Amino acid sequence: MPMRRAALLLLLLTGCTAMERANVADKEDLLAAAGFVQRPANTPERQAQLATLPPHRFVRRVAGDEVTYLFADPLVCNCLYVGNQAAYGRYQQVALARRIAQDRLMAAQMDAQAAMAWGWGPWGGPGFWY
């Protein structure tokens, strides 16, 4: 029995990690589309710097009049995404548009399921009326 629990736990953890990787990869696509530049952590110094940043979170850095946004990804690409204020603004717009599109798709799917439950499918009106 303990082996089954361990196997189940391992399976759940593997599934969670795969979902997290997919979510991060999706976010990275948005970052690249918005104009963020990917910088690999391909030296010990860069790896050490990457480790100091919170993973999968934006960090805002201000130097004089220049604002830079950093997004550390030690999981998928082992890299740092760097963008300016304009890139961050584009990212937020694209992410919001994607979220709205997903919400609309989900609402349409729920409407379709509700219609089917009442018999209002693609064949016409409610089945209990005829």
C-alpha atoms as a PDB file:
ATOM      1  CA  MET A   1       0.000   0.000   0.000  1.00  0.00           C
ATOM      2  CA  PRO A   2       2.774   2.542   0.776  1.00  0.00           C
ATOM      3  CA  MET A   3       4.233   1.893  -2.717  1.00  0.00           C
ATOM      4  CA  ARG A   4       0.900   2.808  -4.300  1.00  0.00           C
ATOM      5  CA  ARG A   5       0.733   6.035  -2.320  1.00  0.00           C
ATOM      6  CA  ALA A   6       4.278   6.913  -3.307  1.00  0.00           C
ATOM      7  CA  ALA A   7       3.526   6.164  -6.952  1.00  0.00           C
ATOM      8  CA  LEU A   8       0.362   8.255  -6.820  1.00  0.00           C
ATOM      9  CA  LEU A   9       2.217  11.136  -5.186  1.00  0.00           C
ATOM     10  CA  LEU A  10       4.939  10.937  -7.833  1.00  0.00           C
ATOM     11  CA  LEU A  11       2.315  10.934 -10.580  1.00  0.00           C
ATOM     12  CA  LEU A  12       0.578  13.977  -9.092  1.00  0.00           C
ATOM     13  CA  LEU A  13       3.835  15.875  -8.722  1.00  0.00           C
ATOM     14  CA  THR A  14       4.828  15.033 -12.283  1.00  0.00           C
ATOM     15  CA  GLY A  15       1.459  16.253 -13.541  1.00  0.00           C
ATOM     16  CA  CYS A  16       1.730  19.501 -11.578  1.00  0.00           C
ATOM     17  CA  THR A  17       5.230  20.122 -12.885  1.00  0.00           C
ATOM     18  CA  ALA A  18       4.091  19.496 -16.462  1.00  0.00           C
ATOM     19  CA  MET A  19       1.189  21.923 -16.036  1.00  0.00           C
ATOM     20  CA  GLU A  20       3.486  24.548 -14.512  1.00  0.00           C
ATOM     21  CA  ARG A  21       5.920  24.143 -17.418  1.00  0.00           C
ATOM     22  CA  ALA A  22       3.077  24.583 -19.910  1.00  0.00           C
ATOM     23  CA  ASN A  23       1.840  27.722 -18.126  1.00  0.00           C
ATOM     24  CA  VAL A  24       5.324  29.225 -18.019  1.00  0.00           C
ATOM     25  CA  ALA A  25       5.984  28.345 -21.672  1.00  0.00           C
ATOM     26  CA  ASP A  26       2.697  30.045 -22.592  1.00  0.00           C
ATOM     27  CA  LYS A  27       3.726  33.140 -20.635  1.00  0.00           C
ATOM     28  CA  GLU A  28       7.117  33.115 -22.352  1.00  0.00           C
ATOM     29  CA  ASP A  29       5.390  33.199 -25.736  1.00  0.00           C
ATOM     30  CA  LEU A  30       3.557  36.334 -24.609  1.00  0.00           C
ATOM     31  CA  LEU A  31       6.772  37.886 -23.310  1.00  0.00           C
ATOM     32  CA  ALA A  32       8.557  37.316 -26.610  1.00  0.00           C
ATOM     33  CA  ALA A  33       5.579  38.657 -28.583  1.00  0.00           C
ATOM     34  CA  ALA A  34       5.542  41.780 -26.409  1.00  0.00           C
ATOM     35  CA  GLY A  35       9.206  42.525 -27.089  1.00  0.00           C
ATOM     36  CA  PHE A  36      10.999  41.057 -24.097  1.00  0.00           C
ATOM     37  CA  VAL A  37      14.490  39.778 -24.867  1.00  0.00           C
ATOM     38  CA  GLN A  38      15.548  36.347 -23.654  1.00  0.00           C
ATOM     39  CA  ARG A  39      18.937  36.171 -21.954  1.00  0.00           C
ATOM     40  CA  PRO A  40      20.159  32.634 -21.185  1.00  0.00           C
ATOM     41  CA  ALA A  41      21.787  31.876 -17.842  1.00  0.00           C
ATOM     42  CA  ASN A  42      24.711  30.238 -19.597  1.00  0.00           C
ATOM     43  CA  THR A  43      27.509  31.261 -17.239  1.00  0.00           C
ATOM     44  CA  PRO A  44      27.959  30.654 -13.519  1.00  0.00           C
ATOM     45  CA  GLU A  45      27.582  34.389 -12.875  1.00  0.00           C
ATOM     46  CA  ARG A  46      24.287  34.586 -14.770  1.00  0.00           C
ATOM     47  CA  GLN A  47      23.004  31.453 -13.037  1.00  0.00           C
ATOM     48  CA  ALA A  48      23.835  32.993  -9.660  1.00  0.00           C
ATOM     49  CA  GLN A  49      22.023  36.215 -10.613  1.00  0.00           C
ATOM     50  CA  LEU A  50      19.007  34.266 -11.888  1.00  0.00           C
ATOM     51  CA  ALA A  51      18.834  32.429  -8.561  1.00  0.00           C
ATOM     52  CA  THR A  52      18.469  35.737  -6.692  1.00  0.00           C
ATOM     53  CA  LEU A  53      15.240  36.627  -8.532  1.00  0.00           C
ATOM     54  CA  PRO A  54      11.796  35.241  -7.694  1.00  0.00           C
ATOM     55  CA  PRO A  55      10.873  32.642 -10.319  1.00  0.00           C
ATOM     56  CA  HIS A  56       8.037  33.411 -12.736  1.00  0.00           C
ATOM     57  CA  ARG A  57       7.363  36.880 -11.334  1.00  0.00           C
ATOM     58  CA  PHE A  58       7.998  40.322 -12.721  1.00  0.00           C
ATOM     59  CA  VAL A  59      10.630  42.422 -11.003  1.00  0.00           C
ATOM     60  CA  ARG A  60      10.702  46.143 -11.743  1.00  0.00           C
ATOM     61  CA  ARG A  61      14.070  47.885 -11.707  1.00  0.00           C
ATOM     62  CA  VAL A  62      14.497  51.652 -11.979  1.00  0.00           C
ATOM     63  CA  ALA A  63      17.804  53.296 -12.906  1.00  0.00           C
ATOM     64  CA  GLY A  64      17.404  57.025 -13.382  1.00  0.00           C
ATOM     65  CA  ASP A  65      14.648  57.551 -15.925  1.00  0.00           C
ATOM     66  CA  GLU A  66      14.875  54.007 -17.288  1.00  0.00           C
ATOM     67  CA  VAL A  67      12.481  51.304 -16.087  1.00  0.00           C
ATOM     68  CA  THR A  68      13.340  47.679 -16.787  1.00  0.00           C
ATOM     69  CA  TYR A  69      11.207  44.614 -16.137  1.00  0.00           C
ATOM     70  CA  LEU A  70      12.784  41.243 -15.439  1.00  0.00           C
ATOM     71  CA  PHE A  71      11.101  37.843 -15.564  1.00  0.00           C
ATOM     72  CA  ALA A  72      13.217  34.951 -14.294  1.00  0.00           C
ATOM     73  CA  ASP A  73      12.541  31.442 -15.570  1.00  0.00           C
ATOM     74  CA  PRO A  74      14.773  28.796 -14.005  1.00  0.00           C
ATOM     75  CA  LEU A  75      12.296  26.025 -14.911  1.00  0.00           C
ATOM     76  CA  VAL A  76      11.654  26.038 -18.669  1.00  0.00           C
ATOM     77  CA  CYS A  77      14.415  28.005 -20.387  1.00  0.00           C
ATOM     78  CA  ASN A  78      16.825  28.689 -17.509  1.00  0.00           C
ATOM     79  CA  CYS A  79      16.869  32.289 -18.657  1.00  0.00           C
ATOM     80  CA  LEU A  80      15.920  35.857 -17.870  1.00  0.00           C
ATOM     81  CA  TYR A  81      13.479  37.909 -19.941  1.00  0.00           C
ATOM     82  CA  VAL A  82      14.283  41.627 -20.021  1.00  0.00           C
ATOM     83  CA  GLY A  83      11.951  44.335 -21.257  1.00  0.00           C
ATOM     84  CA  ASN A  84      11.316  48.052 -21.001  1.00  0.00           C
ATOM     85  CA  GLN A  85       8.145  49.879 -19.963  1.00  0.00           C
ATOM     86  CA  ALA A  86       6.680  49.649 -23.487  1.00  0.00           C
ATOM     87  CA  ALA A  87       7.269  45.880 -23.668  1.00  0.00           C
ATOM     88  CA  TYR A  88       5.649  45.422 -20.265  1.00  0.00           C
ATOM     89  CA  GLY A  89       2.644  47.466 -21.368  1.00  0.00           C
ATOM     90  CA  ARG A  90       2.296  45.363 -24.533  1.00  0.00           C
ATOM     91  CA  TYR A  91       2.590  42.194 -22.449  1.00  0.00           C
ATOM     92  CA  GLN A  92      -0.246  43.330 -20.175  1.00  0.00           C
ATOM     93  CA  GLN A  93      -2.445  44.191 -23.178  1.00  0.00           C
ATOM     94  CA  VAL A  94      -1.819  40.851 -24.885  1.00  0.00           C
ATOM     95  CA  ALA A  95      -2.304  38.905 -21.642  1.00  0.00           C
ATOM     96  CA  LEU A  96      -5.588  40.738 -20.965  1.00  0.00           C
ATOM     97  CA  ALA A  97      -6.829  40.109 -24.516  1.00  0.00           C
ATOM     98  CA  ARG A  98      -5.972  36.415 -24.183  1.00  0.00           C
ATOM     99  CA  ARG A  99      -7.744  36.193 -20.818  1.00  0.00           C
ATOM    100  CA  ILE A 100     -10.873  37.853 -22.275  1.00  0.00           C
ATOM    101  CA  ALA A 101     -10.828  35.465 -25.243  1.00  0.00           C
ATOM    102  CA  GLN A 102     -10.504  32.464 -22.896  1.00  0.00           C
ATOM    103  CA  ASP A 103     -13.353  33.754 -20.725  1.00  0.00           C
ATOM    104  CA  ARG A 104     -15.576  34.200 -23.787  1.00  0.00           C
ATOM    105  CA  LEU A 105     -14.734  30.711 -25.022  1.00  0.00           C
ATOM    106  CA  MET A 106     -15.525  29.234 -21.621  1.00  0.00           C
ATOM    107  CA  ALA A 107     -18.837  31.144 -21.471  1.00  0.00           C
ATOM    108  CA  ALA A 108     -19.769  29.916 -24.961  1.00  0.00           C
ATOM    109  CA  GLN A 109     -18.950  26.336 -23.992  1.00  0.00           C
ATOM    110  CA  MET A 110     -21.019  26.631 -20.817  1.00  0.00           C
ATOM    111  CA  ASP A 111     -23.928  28.105 -22.814  1.00  0.00           C
ATOM    112  CA  ALA A 112     -23.717  25.242 -25.284  1.00  0.00           C
ATOM    113  CA  GLN A 113     -23.677  22.668 -22.479  1.00  0.00           C
ATOM    114  CA  ALA A 114     -26.668  24.325 -20.812  1.00  0.00           C
ATOM    115  CA  ALA A 115     -28.553  24.386 -24.107  1.00  0.00           C
ATOM    116  CA  MET A 116     -27.848  20.701 -24.682  1.00  0.00           C
ATOM    117  CA  ALA A 117     -29.014  19.870 -21.149  1.00  0.00           C
ATOM    118  CA  TRP A 118     -32.369  21.519 -21.905  1.00  0.00           C
ATOM    119  CA  GLY A 119     -32.641  19.851 -25.297  1.00  0.00           C
ATOM    120  CA  TRP A 120     -31.972  23.079 -27.190  1.00  0.00           C
ATOM    121  CA  GLY A 121     -29.144  21.578 -29.198  1.00  0.00           C
ATOM    122  CA  PRO A 122     -28.410  22.105 -32.851  1.00  0.00           C
ATOM    123  CA  TRP A 123     -31.676  20.327 -33.810  1.00  0.00           C
ATOM    124  CA  GLY A 124     -34.053  23.095 -32.845  1.00  0.00           C
ATOM    125  CA  GLY A 125     -36.065  24.122 -29.822  1.00  0.00           C
ATOM    126  CA  PRO A 126     -36.579  22.377 -26.539  1.00  0.00           C
ATOM    127  CA  GLY A 127     -37.509  18.734 -26.926  1.00  0.00           C
ATOM    128  CA  PHE A 128     -40.250  18.849 -24.306  1.00  0.00           C
ATOM    129  CA  TRP A 129     -42.265  21.334 -26.434  1.00  0.00           C
ATOM    130  CA  TYR A 130     -43.142  18.910 -29.160  1.00  0.00           C
END
